[in-house]
mmCIF file of all heavy atoms, coordinates in Angstrom:
data_MODEL
# 
_entry.id   MODEL 
# 
loop_
_atom_site.group_PDB 
_atom_site.id 
_atom_site.type_symbol 
_atom_site.label_atom_id 
_atom_site.label_alt_id 
_atom_site.label_comp_id 
_atom_site.label_asym_id 
_atom_site.label_entity_id 
_atom_site.label_seq_id 
_atom_site.pdbx_PDB_ins_code 
_atom_site.Cartn_x 
_atom_site.Cartn_y 
_atom_site.Cartn_z 
_atom_site.occupancy 
_atom_site.B_iso_or_equiv 
_atom_site.pdbx_formal_charge 
_atom_site.auth_seq_id 
_atom_site.auth_comp_id 
_atom_site.auth_asym_id 
_atom_site.auth_atom_id 
_atom_site.pdbx_PDB_model_num 
ATOM 1   N N   . LEU A 1 1  ? 16.473  -9.906  -5.580  1.00 0.00 ? 1  LEU A N   1 
ATOM 2   C CA  . LEU A 1 1  ? 15.130  -9.815  -4.979  1.00 0.00 ? 1  LEU A CA  1 
ATOM 3   C C   . LEU A 1 1  ? 14.835  -8.401  -4.720  1.00 0.00 ? 1  LEU A C   1 
ATOM 4   O O   . LEU A 1 1  ? 15.644  -7.680  -4.135  1.00 0.00 ? 1  LEU A O   1 
ATOM 5   C CB  . LEU A 1 1  ? 15.132  -10.656 -3.635  1.00 0.00 ? 1  LEU A CB  1 
ATOM 6   C CG  . LEU A 1 1  ? 13.824  -10.464 -2.778  1.00 0.00 ? 1  LEU A CG  1 
ATOM 7   C CD1 . LEU A 1 1  ? 12.606  -11.004 -3.472  1.00 0.00 ? 1  LEU A CD1 1 
ATOM 8   C CD2 . LEU A 1 1  ? 14.025  -11.014 -1.314  1.00 0.00 ? 1  LEU A CD2 1 
ATOM 9   N N   . ILE A 1 2  ? 13.640  -7.966  -5.183  1.00 0.00 ? 2  ILE A N   1 
ATOM 10  C CA  . ILE A 1 2  ? 13.183  -6.557  -4.892  1.00 0.00 ? 2  ILE A CA  1 
ATOM 11  C C   . ILE A 1 2  ? 11.798  -6.694  -4.239  1.00 0.00 ? 2  ILE A C   1 
ATOM 12  O O   . ILE A 1 2  ? 10.958  -7.361  -4.713  1.00 0.00 ? 2  ILE A O   1 
ATOM 13  C CB  . ILE A 1 2  ? 13.189  -5.725  -6.163  1.00 0.00 ? 2  ILE A CB  1 
ATOM 14  C CG1 . ILE A 1 2  ? 14.554  -5.626  -6.717  1.00 0.00 ? 2  ILE A CG1 1 
ATOM 15  C CG2 . ILE A 1 2  ? 12.594  -4.380  -5.834  1.00 0.00 ? 2  ILE A CG2 1 
ATOM 16  C CD1 . ILE A 1 2  ? 14.550  -4.963  -8.049  1.00 0.00 ? 2  ILE A CD1 1 
ATOM 17  N N   . ARG A 1 3  ? 11.689  -5.851  -3.104  1.00 0.00 ? 3  ARG A N   1 
ATOM 18  C CA  . ARG A 1 3  ? 10.466  -5.818  -2.409  1.00 0.00 ? 3  ARG A CA  1 
ATOM 19  C C   . ARG A 1 3  ? 10.004  -4.369  -2.438  1.00 0.00 ? 3  ARG A C   1 
ATOM 20  O O   . ARG A 1 3  ? 10.865  -3.480  -2.157  1.00 0.00 ? 3  ARG A O   1 
ATOM 21  C CB  . ARG A 1 3  ? 10.457  -6.426  -1.041  1.00 0.00 ? 3  ARG A CB  1 
ATOM 22  C CG  . ARG A 1 3  ? 10.566  -7.942  -1.049  1.00 0.00 ? 3  ARG A CG  1 
ATOM 23  C CD  . ARG A 1 3  ? 10.576  -8.407  0.404   1.00 0.00 ? 3  ARG A CD  1 
ATOM 24  N NE  . ARG A 1 3  ? 10.718  -9.903  0.438   1.00 0.00 ? 3  ARG A NE  1 
ATOM 25  C CZ  . ARG A 1 3  ? 10.892  -10.555 1.591   1.00 0.00 ? 3  ARG A CZ  1 
ATOM 26  N NH1 . ARG A 1 3  ? 11.086  -10.058 2.700   1.00 0.00 ? 3  ARG A NH1 1 
ATOM 27  N NH2 . ARG A 1 3  ? 10.997  -11.922 1.495   1.00 0.00 ? 3  ARG A NH2 1 
ATOM 28  N N   . TYR A 1 4  ? 8.728   -4.087  -2.491  1.00 0.00 ? 4  TYR A N   1 
ATOM 29  C CA  . TYR A 1 4  ? 8.243   -2.741  -2.482  1.00 0.00 ? 4  TYR A CA  1 
ATOM 30  C C   . TYR A 1 4  ? 6.922   -2.640  -1.878  1.00 0.00 ? 4  TYR A C   1 
ATOM 31  O O   . TYR A 1 4  ? 6.114   -3.689  -1.747  1.00 0.00 ? 4  TYR A O   1 
ATOM 32  C CB  . TYR A 1 4  ? 8.268   -2.136  -3.918  1.00 0.00 ? 4  TYR A CB  1 
ATOM 33  C CG  . TYR A 1 4  ? 7.458   -2.922  -4.826  1.00 0.00 ? 4  TYR A CG  1 
ATOM 34  C CD1 . TYR A 1 4  ? 6.129   -2.736  -5.138  1.00 0.00 ? 4  TYR A CD1 1 
ATOM 35  C CD2 . TYR A 1 4  ? 8.116   -3.963  -5.645  1.00 0.00 ? 4  TYR A CD2 1 
ATOM 36  C CE1 . TYR A 1 4  ? 5.349   -3.509  -6.032  1.00 0.00 ? 4  TYR A CE1 1 
ATOM 37  C CE2 . TYR A 1 4  ? 7.331   -4.739  -6.514  1.00 0.00 ? 4  TYR A CE2 1 
ATOM 38  C CZ  . TYR A 1 4  ? 5.996   -4.524  -6.727  1.00 0.00 ? 4  TYR A CZ  1 
ATOM 39  O OH  . TYR A 1 4  ? 5.259   -5.247  -7.559  1.00 0.00 ? 4  TYR A OH  1 
ATOM 40  N N   . GLY A 1 5  ? 6.450   -1.459  -1.388  1.00 0.00 ? 5  GLY A N   1 
ATOM 41  C CA  . GLY A 1 5  ? 5.123   -1.259  -0.844  1.00 0.00 ? 5  GLY A CA  1 
ATOM 42  C C   . GLY A 1 5  ? 4.853   0.112   -0.653  1.00 0.00 ? 5  GLY A C   1 
ATOM 43  O O   . GLY A 1 5  ? 5.653   1.025   -0.507  1.00 0.00 ? 5  GLY A O   1 
ATOM 44  N N   . VAL A 1 6  ? 3.595   0.456   -0.700  1.00 0.00 ? 6  VAL A N   1 
ATOM 45  C CA  . VAL A 1 6  ? 3.088   1.860   -0.447  1.00 0.00 ? 6  VAL A CA  1 
ATOM 46  C C   . VAL A 1 6  ? 1.648   1.644   0.250   1.00 0.00 ? 6  VAL A C   1 
ATOM 47  O O   . VAL A 1 6  ? 0.907   0.806   -0.046  1.00 0.00 ? 6  VAL A O   1 
ATOM 48  C CB  . VAL A 1 6  ? 2.934   2.677   -1.708  1.00 0.00 ? 6  VAL A CB  1 
ATOM 49  C CG1 . VAL A 1 6  ? 1.852   2.060   -2.688  1.00 0.00 ? 6  VAL A CG1 1 
ATOM 50  C CG2 . VAL A 1 6  ? 2.588   4.115   -1.438  1.00 0.00 ? 6  VAL A CG2 1 
ATOM 51  N N   . ARG A 1 7  ? 1.394   2.499   1.161   1.00 0.00 ? 7  ARG A N   1 
ATOM 52  C CA  . ARG A 1 7  ? 0.210   2.408   1.988   1.00 0.00 ? 7  ARG A CA  1 
ATOM 53  C C   . ARG A 1 7  ? -0.344  3.783   2.370   1.00 0.00 ? 7  ARG A C   1 
ATOM 54  O O   . ARG A 1 7  ? 0.372   4.760   2.684   1.00 0.00 ? 7  ARG A O   1 
ATOM 55  C CB  . ARG A 1 7  ? 0.485   1.622   3.275   1.00 0.00 ? 7  ARG A CB  1 
ATOM 56  C CG  . ARG A 1 7  ? -0.670  1.594   4.249   1.00 0.00 ? 7  ARG A CG  1 
ATOM 57  C CD  . ARG A 1 7  ? -0.338  0.660   5.409   1.00 0.00 ? 7  ARG A CD  1 
ATOM 58  N NE  . ARG A 1 7  ? -1.434  0.570   6.301   1.00 0.00 ? 7  ARG A NE  1 
ATOM 59  C CZ  . ARG A 1 7  ? -1.539  -0.366  7.288   1.00 0.00 ? 7  ARG A CZ  1 
ATOM 60  N NH1 . ARG A 1 7  ? -0.561  -1.288  7.400   1.00 0.00 ? 7  ARG A NH1 1 
ATOM 61  N NH2 . ARG A 1 7  ? -2.551  -0.462  8.101   1.00 0.00 ? 7  ARG A NH2 1 
ATOM 62  N N   . ASP A 1 8  ? -1.682  3.889   2.364   1.00 0.00 ? 8  ASP A N   1 
ATOM 63  C CA  . ASP A 1 8  ? -2.327  5.098   2.919   1.00 0.00 ? 8  ASP A CA  1 
ATOM 64  C C   . ASP A 1 8  ? -3.589  4.564   3.759   1.00 0.00 ? 8  ASP A C   1 
ATOM 65  O O   . ASP A 1 8  ? -4.352  3.712   3.237   1.00 0.00 ? 8  ASP A O   1 
ATOM 66  C CB  . ASP A 1 8  ? -2.843  5.973   1.788   1.00 0.00 ? 8  ASP A CB  1 
ATOM 67  C CG  . ASP A 1 8  ? -3.477  7.228   2.364   1.00 0.00 ? 8  ASP A CG  1 
ATOM 68  O OD1 . ASP A 1 8  ? -3.086  7.724   3.376   1.00 0.00 ? 8  ASP A OD1 1 
ATOM 69  O OD2 . ASP A 1 8  ? -4.377  7.808   1.610   1.00 0.00 ? 8  ASP A OD2 1 
ATOM 70  N N   . ASP A 1 9  ? -3.797  5.246   4.892   1.00 0.00 ? 9  ASP A N   1 
ATOM 71  C CA  . ASP A 1 9  ? -4.809  4.720   5.812   1.00 0.00 ? 9  ASP A CA  1 
ATOM 72  C C   . ASP A 1 9  ? -5.971  5.684   5.924   1.00 0.00 ? 9  ASP A C   1 
ATOM 73  O O   . ASP A 1 9  ? -6.759  5.565   6.851   1.00 0.00 ? 9  ASP A O   1 
ATOM 74  C CB  . ASP A 1 9  ? -4.162  4.479   7.204   1.00 0.00 ? 9  ASP A CB  1 
ATOM 75  C CG  . ASP A 1 9  ? -3.284  3.307   7.235   1.00 0.00 ? 9  ASP A CG  1 
ATOM 76  O OD1 . ASP A 1 9  ? -3.673  2.251   6.610   1.00 0.00 ? 9  ASP A OD1 1 
ATOM 77  O OD2 . ASP A 1 9  ? -2.267  3.420   8.013   1.00 0.00 ? 9  ASP A OD2 1 
ATOM 78  N N   . ASN A 1 10 ? -6.070  6.697   4.974   1.00 0.00 ? 10 ASN A N   1 
ATOM 79  C CA  . ASN A 1 10 ? -7.206  7.582   5.182   1.00 0.00 ? 10 ASN A CA  1 
ATOM 80  C C   . ASN A 1 10 ? -7.544  8.128   3.741   1.00 0.00 ? 10 ASN A C   1 
ATOM 81  O O   . ASN A 1 10 ? -7.552  9.386   3.494   1.00 0.00 ? 10 ASN A O   1 
ATOM 82  C CB  . ASN A 1 10 ? -6.796  8.760   6.074   1.00 0.00 ? 10 ASN A CB  1 
ATOM 83  C CG  . ASN A 1 10 ? -7.988  9.608   6.387   1.00 0.00 ? 10 ASN A CG  1 
ATOM 84  O OD1 . ASN A 1 10 ? -9.147  9.191   6.169   1.00 0.00 ? 10 ASN A OD1 1 
ATOM 85  N ND2 . ASN A 1 10 ? -7.725  10.827  6.877   1.00 0.00 ? 10 ASN A ND2 1 
ATOM 86  N N   . LEU A 1 11 ? -7.891  7.257   2.789   1.00 0.00 ? 11 LEU A N   1 
ATOM 87  C CA  . LEU A 1 11 ? -8.364  7.705   1.553   1.00 0.00 ? 11 LEU A CA  1 
ATOM 88  C C   . LEU A 1 11 ? -9.775  8.203   1.629   1.00 0.00 ? 11 LEU A C   1 
ATOM 89  O O   . LEU A 1 11 ? -10.575 7.773   2.408   1.00 0.00 ? 11 LEU A O   1 
ATOM 90  C CB  . LEU A 1 11 ? -8.315  6.593   0.581   1.00 0.00 ? 11 LEU A CB  1 
ATOM 91  C CG  . LEU A 1 11 ? -6.917  6.121   0.082   1.00 0.00 ? 11 LEU A CG  1 
ATOM 92  C CD1 . LEU A 1 11 ? -6.988  4.846   -0.741  1.00 0.00 ? 11 LEU A CD1 1 
ATOM 93  C CD2 . LEU A 1 11 ? -6.264  7.262   -0.786  1.00 0.00 ? 11 LEU A CD2 1 
ATOM 94  N N   . PHE A 1 12 ? -10.064 9.297   0.824   1.00 0.00 ? 12 PHE A N   1 
ATOM 95  C CA  . PHE A 1 12 ? -11.357 9.897   0.649   1.00 0.00 ? 12 PHE A CA  1 
ATOM 96  C C   . PHE A 1 12 ? -11.828 10.480  1.970   1.00 0.00 ? 12 PHE A C   1 
ATOM 97  O O   . PHE A 1 12 ? -13.080 10.736  2.136   1.00 0.00 ? 12 PHE A O   1 
ATOM 98  C CB  . PHE A 1 12 ? -12.365 8.886   0.167   1.00 0.00 ? 12 PHE A CB  1 
ATOM 99  C CG  . PHE A 1 12 ? -11.954 8.195   -1.102  1.00 0.00 ? 12 PHE A CG  1 
ATOM 100 C CD1 . PHE A 1 12 ? -11.740 6.756   -1.115  1.00 0.00 ? 12 PHE A CD1 1 
ATOM 101 C CD2 . PHE A 1 12 ? -11.670 8.877   -2.246  1.00 0.00 ? 12 PHE A CD2 1 
ATOM 102 C CE1 . PHE A 1 12 ? -11.335 6.063   -2.204  1.00 0.00 ? 12 PHE A CE1 1 
ATOM 103 C CE2 . PHE A 1 12 ? -11.203 8.155   -3.359  1.00 0.00 ? 12 PHE A CE2 1 
ATOM 104 C CZ  . PHE A 1 12 ? -11.009 6.816   -3.319  1.00 0.00 ? 12 PHE A CZ  1 
ATOM 105 N N   . GLY A 1 13 ? -10.938 10.721  2.883   1.00 0.00 ? 13 GLY A N   1 
ATOM 106 C CA  . GLY A 1 13 ? -11.423 11.248  4.223   1.00 0.00 ? 13 GLY A CA  1 
ATOM 107 C C   . GLY A 1 13 ? -12.235 10.351  5.030   1.00 0.00 ? 13 GLY A C   1 
ATOM 108 O O   . GLY A 1 13 ? -12.829 10.786  6.039   1.00 0.00 ? 13 GLY A O   1 
ATOM 109 N N   . ARG A 1 14 ? -12.296 9.047   4.640   1.00 0.00 ? 14 ARG A N   1 
ATOM 110 C CA  . ARG A 1 14 ? -13.263 8.096   5.241   1.00 0.00 ? 14 ARG A CA  1 
ATOM 111 C C   . ARG A 1 14 ? -12.525 7.038   6.059   1.00 0.00 ? 14 ARG A C   1 
ATOM 112 O O   . ARG A 1 14 ? -13.158 6.201   6.739   1.00 0.00 ? 14 ARG A O   1 
ATOM 113 C CB  . ARG A 1 14 ? -14.098 7.449   4.111   1.00 0.00 ? 14 ARG A CB  1 
ATOM 114 C CG  . ARG A 1 14 ? -14.963 6.272   4.480   1.00 0.00 ? 14 ARG A CG  1 
ATOM 115 C CD  . ARG A 1 14 ? -15.961 6.606   5.628   1.00 0.00 ? 14 ARG A CD  1 
ATOM 116 N NE  . ARG A 1 14 ? -16.741 5.433   5.901   1.00 0.00 ? 14 ARG A NE  1 
ATOM 117 C CZ  . ARG A 1 14 ? -16.426 4.431   6.624   1.00 0.00 ? 14 ARG A CZ  1 
ATOM 118 N NH1 . ARG A 1 14 ? -15.207 4.384   7.219   1.00 0.00 ? 14 ARG A NH1 1 
ATOM 119 N NH2 . ARG A 1 14 ? -17.285 3.340   6.784   1.00 0.00 ? 14 ARG A NH2 1 
ATOM 120 N N   . GLY A 1 15 ? -11.130 7.140   6.171   1.00 0.00 ? 15 GLY A N   1 
ATOM 121 C CA  . GLY A 1 15 ? -10.476 6.054   6.858   1.00 0.00 ? 15 GLY A CA  1 
ATOM 122 C C   . GLY A 1 15 ? -10.156 4.833   6.034   1.00 0.00 ? 15 GLY A C   1 
ATOM 123 O O   . GLY A 1 15 ? -9.748  3.792   6.609   1.00 0.00 ? 15 GLY A O   1 
ATOM 124 N N   . LEU A 1 16 ? -10.442 4.900   4.766   1.00 0.00 ? 16 LEU A N   1 
ATOM 125 C CA  . LEU A 1 16 ? -10.169 3.746   3.882   1.00 0.00 ? 16 LEU A CA  1 
ATOM 126 C C   . LEU A 1 16 ? -8.730  3.463   3.705   1.00 0.00 ? 16 LEU A C   1 
ATOM 127 O O   . LEU A 1 16 ? -7.920  4.345   3.425   1.00 0.00 ? 16 LEU A O   1 
ATOM 128 C CB  . LEU A 1 16 ? -10.704 3.959   2.429   1.00 0.00 ? 16 LEU A CB  1 
ATOM 129 C CG  . LEU A 1 16 ? -10.370 2.945   1.316   1.00 0.00 ? 16 LEU A CG  1 
ATOM 130 C CD1 . LEU A 1 16 ? -11.100 1.546   1.784   1.00 0.00 ? 16 LEU A CD1 1 
ATOM 131 C CD2 . LEU A 1 16 ? -10.947 3.309   -0.006  1.00 0.00 ? 16 LEU A CD2 1 
ATOM 132 N N   . SER A 1 17 ? -8.332  2.256   4.189   1.00 0.00 ? 17 SER A N   1 
ATOM 133 C CA  . SER A 1 17 ? -6.894  1.870   4.080   1.00 0.00 ? 17 SER A CA  1 
ATOM 134 C C   . SER A 1 17 ? -6.644  1.090   2.846   1.00 0.00 ? 17 SER A C   1 
ATOM 135 O O   . SER A 1 17 ? -7.321  0.060   2.544   1.00 0.00 ? 17 SER A O   1 
ATOM 136 C CB  . SER A 1 17 ? -6.533  1.065   5.340   1.00 0.00 ? 17 SER A CB  1 
ATOM 137 O OG  . SER A 1 17 ? -5.234  0.613   5.325   1.00 0.00 ? 17 SER A OG  1 
ATOM 138 N N   . LEU A 1 18 ? -5.574  1.443   2.119   1.00 0.00 ? 18 LEU A N   1 
ATOM 139 C CA  . LEU A 1 18 ? -5.179  0.873   0.847   1.00 0.00 ? 18 LEU A CA  1 
ATOM 140 C C   . LEU A 1 18 ? -3.727  0.511   1.064   1.00 0.00 ? 18 LEU A C   1 
ATOM 141 O O   . LEU A 1 18 ? -2.852  1.381   1.262   1.00 0.00 ? 18 LEU A O   1 
ATOM 142 C CB  . LEU A 1 18 ? -5.443  1.601   -0.293  1.00 0.00 ? 18 LEU A CB  1 
ATOM 143 C CG  . LEU A 1 18 ? -5.641  0.868   -1.648  1.00 0.00 ? 18 LEU A CG  1 
ATOM 144 C CD1 . LEU A 1 18 ? -6.847  -0.095  -1.574  1.00 0.00 ? 18 LEU A CD1 1 
ATOM 145 C CD2 . LEU A 1 18 ? -5.823  1.884   -2.830  1.00 0.00 ? 18 LEU A CD2 1 
ATOM 146 N N   . ASN A 1 19 ? -3.300  -0.793  0.908   1.00 0.00 ? 19 ASN A N   1 
ATOM 147 C CA  . ASN A 1 19 ? -1.944  -1.210  1.070   1.00 0.00 ? 19 ASN A CA  1 
ATOM 148 C C   . ASN A 1 19 ? -1.527  -2.062  -0.064  1.00 0.00 ? 19 ASN A C   1 
ATOM 149 O O   . ASN A 1 19 ? -1.996  -3.139  -0.331  1.00 0.00 ? 19 ASN A O   1 
ATOM 150 C CB  . ASN A 1 19 ? -1.888  -1.985  2.424   1.00 0.00 ? 19 ASN A CB  1 
ATOM 151 C CG  . ASN A 1 19 ? -0.473  -2.327  2.798   1.00 0.00 ? 19 ASN A CG  1 
ATOM 152 O OD1 . ASN A 1 19 ? 0.473   -2.024  2.140   1.00 0.00 ? 19 ASN A OD1 1 
ATOM 153 N ND2 . ASN A 1 19 ? -0.287  -3.108  3.821   1.00 0.00 ? 19 ASN A ND2 1 
ATOM 154 N N   . LEU A 1 20 ? -0.585  -1.577  -0.885  1.00 0.00 ? 20 LEU A N   1 
ATOM 155 C CA  . LEU A 1 20 ? -0.077  -2.242  -2.024  1.00 0.00 ? 20 LEU A CA  1 
ATOM 156 C C   . LEU A 1 20 ? 1.338   -2.812  -1.679  1.00 0.00 ? 20 LEU A C   1 
ATOM 157 O O   . LEU A 1 20 ? 2.226   -2.007  -1.253  1.00 0.00 ? 20 LEU A O   1 
ATOM 158 C CB  . LEU A 1 20 ? 0.094   -1.413  -3.193  1.00 0.00 ? 20 LEU A CB  1 
ATOM 159 C CG  . LEU A 1 20 ? 0.746   -1.900  -4.555  1.00 0.00 ? 20 LEU A CG  1 
ATOM 160 C CD1 . LEU A 1 20 ? -0.106  -3.005  -5.015  1.00 0.00 ? 20 LEU A CD1 1 
ATOM 161 C CD2 . LEU A 1 20 ? 0.949   -0.808  -5.535  1.00 0.00 ? 20 LEU A CD2 1 
ATOM 162 N N   . ARG A 1 21 ? 1.531   -4.064  -1.851  1.00 0.00 ? 21 ARG A N   1 
ATOM 163 C CA  . ARG A 1 21 ? 2.794   -4.671  -1.565  1.00 0.00 ? 21 ARG A CA  1 
ATOM 164 C C   . ARG A 1 21 ? 3.184   -5.655  -2.652  1.00 0.00 ? 21 ARG A C   1 
ATOM 165 O O   . ARG A 1 21 ? 2.314   -6.336  -3.278  1.00 0.00 ? 21 ARG A O   1 
ATOM 166 C CB  . ARG A 1 21 ? 2.812   -5.538  -0.159  1.00 0.00 ? 21 ARG A CB  1 
ATOM 167 C CG  . ARG A 1 21 ? 2.312   -4.690  0.933   1.00 0.00 ? 21 ARG A CG  1 
ATOM 168 C CD  . ARG A 1 21 ? 2.310   -5.467  2.193   1.00 0.00 ? 21 ARG A CD  1 
ATOM 169 N NE  . ARG A 1 21 ? 3.622   -5.852  2.624   1.00 0.00 ? 21 ARG A NE  1 
ATOM 170 C CZ  . ARG A 1 21 ? 4.468   -5.080  3.332   1.00 0.00 ? 21 ARG A CZ  1 
ATOM 171 N NH1 . ARG A 1 21 ? 4.053   -3.937  3.685   1.00 0.00 ? 21 ARG A NH1 1 
ATOM 172 N NH2 . ARG A 1 21 ? 5.581   -5.553  3.693   1.00 0.00 ? 21 ARG A NH2 1 
ATOM 173 N N   . GLY A 1 22 ? 4.467   -5.704  -3.006  1.00 0.00 ? 22 GLY A N   1 
ATOM 174 C CA  . GLY A 1 22 ? 4.887   -6.517  -4.168  1.00 0.00 ? 22 GLY A CA  1 
ATOM 175 C C   . GLY A 1 22 ? 6.292   -7.057  -3.910  1.00 0.00 ? 22 GLY A C   1 
ATOM 176 O O   . GLY A 1 22 ? 7.107   -6.511  -3.180  1.00 0.00 ? 22 GLY A O   1 
ATOM 177 N N   . GLN A 1 23 ? 6.578   -8.099  -4.702  1.00 0.00 ? 23 GLN A N   1 
ATOM 178 C CA  . GLN A 1 23 ? 7.910   -8.741  -4.621  1.00 0.00 ? 23 GLN A CA  1 
ATOM 179 C C   . GLN A 1 23 ? 8.329   -9.277  -6.069  1.00 0.00 ? 23 GLN A C   1 
ATOM 180 O O   . GLN A 1 23 ? 7.415   -9.919  -6.699  1.00 0.00 ? 23 GLN A O   1 
ATOM 181 C CB  . GLN A 1 23 ? 7.975   -9.922  -3.686  1.00 0.00 ? 23 GLN A CB  1 
ATOM 182 C CG  . GLN A 1 23 ? 9.244   -10.721 -3.620  1.00 0.00 ? 23 GLN A CG  1 
ATOM 183 C CD  . GLN A 1 23 ? 9.188   -11.761 -2.590  1.00 0.00 ? 23 GLN A CD  1 
ATOM 184 O OE1 . GLN A 1 23 ? 9.042   -11.529 -1.418  1.00 0.00 ? 23 GLN A OE1 1 
ATOM 185 N NE2 . GLN A 1 23 ? 9.392   -13.077 -3.022  1.00 0.00 ? 23 GLN A NE2 1 
ATOM 186 N N   . TRP A 1 24 ? 9.530   -8.874  -6.447  1.00 0.00 ? 24 TRP A N   1 
ATOM 187 C CA  . TRP A 1 24 ? 9.988   -9.366  -7.798  1.00 0.00 ? 24 TRP A CA  1 
ATOM 188 C C   . TRP A 1 24 ? 11.265  -10.169 -7.494  1.00 0.00 ? 24 TRP A C   1 
ATOM 189 O O   . TRP A 1 24 ? 12.065  -9.747  -6.724  1.00 0.00 ? 24 TRP A O   1 
ATOM 190 C CB  . TRP A 1 24 ? 10.301  -8.250  -8.665  1.00 0.00 ? 24 TRP A CB  1 
ATOM 191 C CG  . TRP A 1 24 ? 10.935  -8.696  -10.034 1.00 0.00 ? 24 TRP A CG  1 
ATOM 192 C CD1 . TRP A 1 24 ? 10.260  -9.070  -11.126 1.00 0.00 ? 24 TRP A CD1 1 
ATOM 193 C CD2 . TRP A 1 24 ? 12.348  -8.847  -10.303 1.00 0.00 ? 24 TRP A CD2 1 
ATOM 194 N NE1 . TRP A 1 24 ? 11.228  -9.445  -12.091 1.00 0.00 ? 24 TRP A NE1 1 
ATOM 195 C CE2 . TRP A 1 24 ? 12.496  -9.331  -11.563 1.00 0.00 ? 24 TRP A CE2 1 
ATOM 196 C CE3 . TRP A 1 24 ? 13.429  -8.612  -9.506  1.00 0.00 ? 24 TRP A CE3 1 
ATOM 197 C CZ2 . TRP A 1 24 ? 13.681  -9.655  -12.114 1.00 0.00 ? 24 TRP A CZ2 1 
ATOM 198 C CZ3 . TRP A 1 24 ? 14.687  -8.917  -10.027 1.00 0.00 ? 24 TRP A CZ3 1 
ATOM 199 C CH2 . TRP A 1 24 ? 14.820  -9.403  -11.351 1.00 0.00 ? 24 TRP A CH2 1 
ATOM 200 N N   . GLN A 1 25 ? 11.290  -11.360 -8.184  1.00 0.00 ? 25 GLN A N   1 
ATOM 201 C CA  . GLN A 1 25 ? 12.466  -12.222 -8.075  1.00 0.00 ? 25 GLN A CA  1 
ATOM 202 C C   . GLN A 1 25 ? 12.596  -13.044 -9.299  1.00 0.00 ? 25 GLN A C   1 
ATOM 203 O O   . GLN A 1 25 ? 11.559  -13.071 -10.120 1.00 0.00 ? 25 GLN A O   1 
ATOM 204 C CB  . GLN A 1 25 ? 12.292  -13.226 -6.888  1.00 0.00 ? 25 GLN A CB  1 
ATOM 205 C CG  . GLN A 1 25 ? 13.677  -13.776 -6.448  1.00 0.00 ? 25 GLN A CG  1 
ATOM 206 C CD  . GLN A 1 25 ? 13.452  -14.520 -5.009  1.00 0.00 ? 25 GLN A CD  1 
ATOM 207 O OE1 . GLN A 1 25 ? 12.456  -14.772 -4.546  1.00 0.00 ? 25 GLN A OE1 1 
ATOM 208 N NE2 . GLN A 1 25 ? 14.593  -14.991 -4.490  1.00 0.00 ? 25 GLN A NE2 1 
# 
């Protein structure tokens, strides 16, 4: 099982939050 994720809470200087999460099994 592999889990991964990456997140940023301030894209474009506007506070846009983008959260990518994934799981492979």
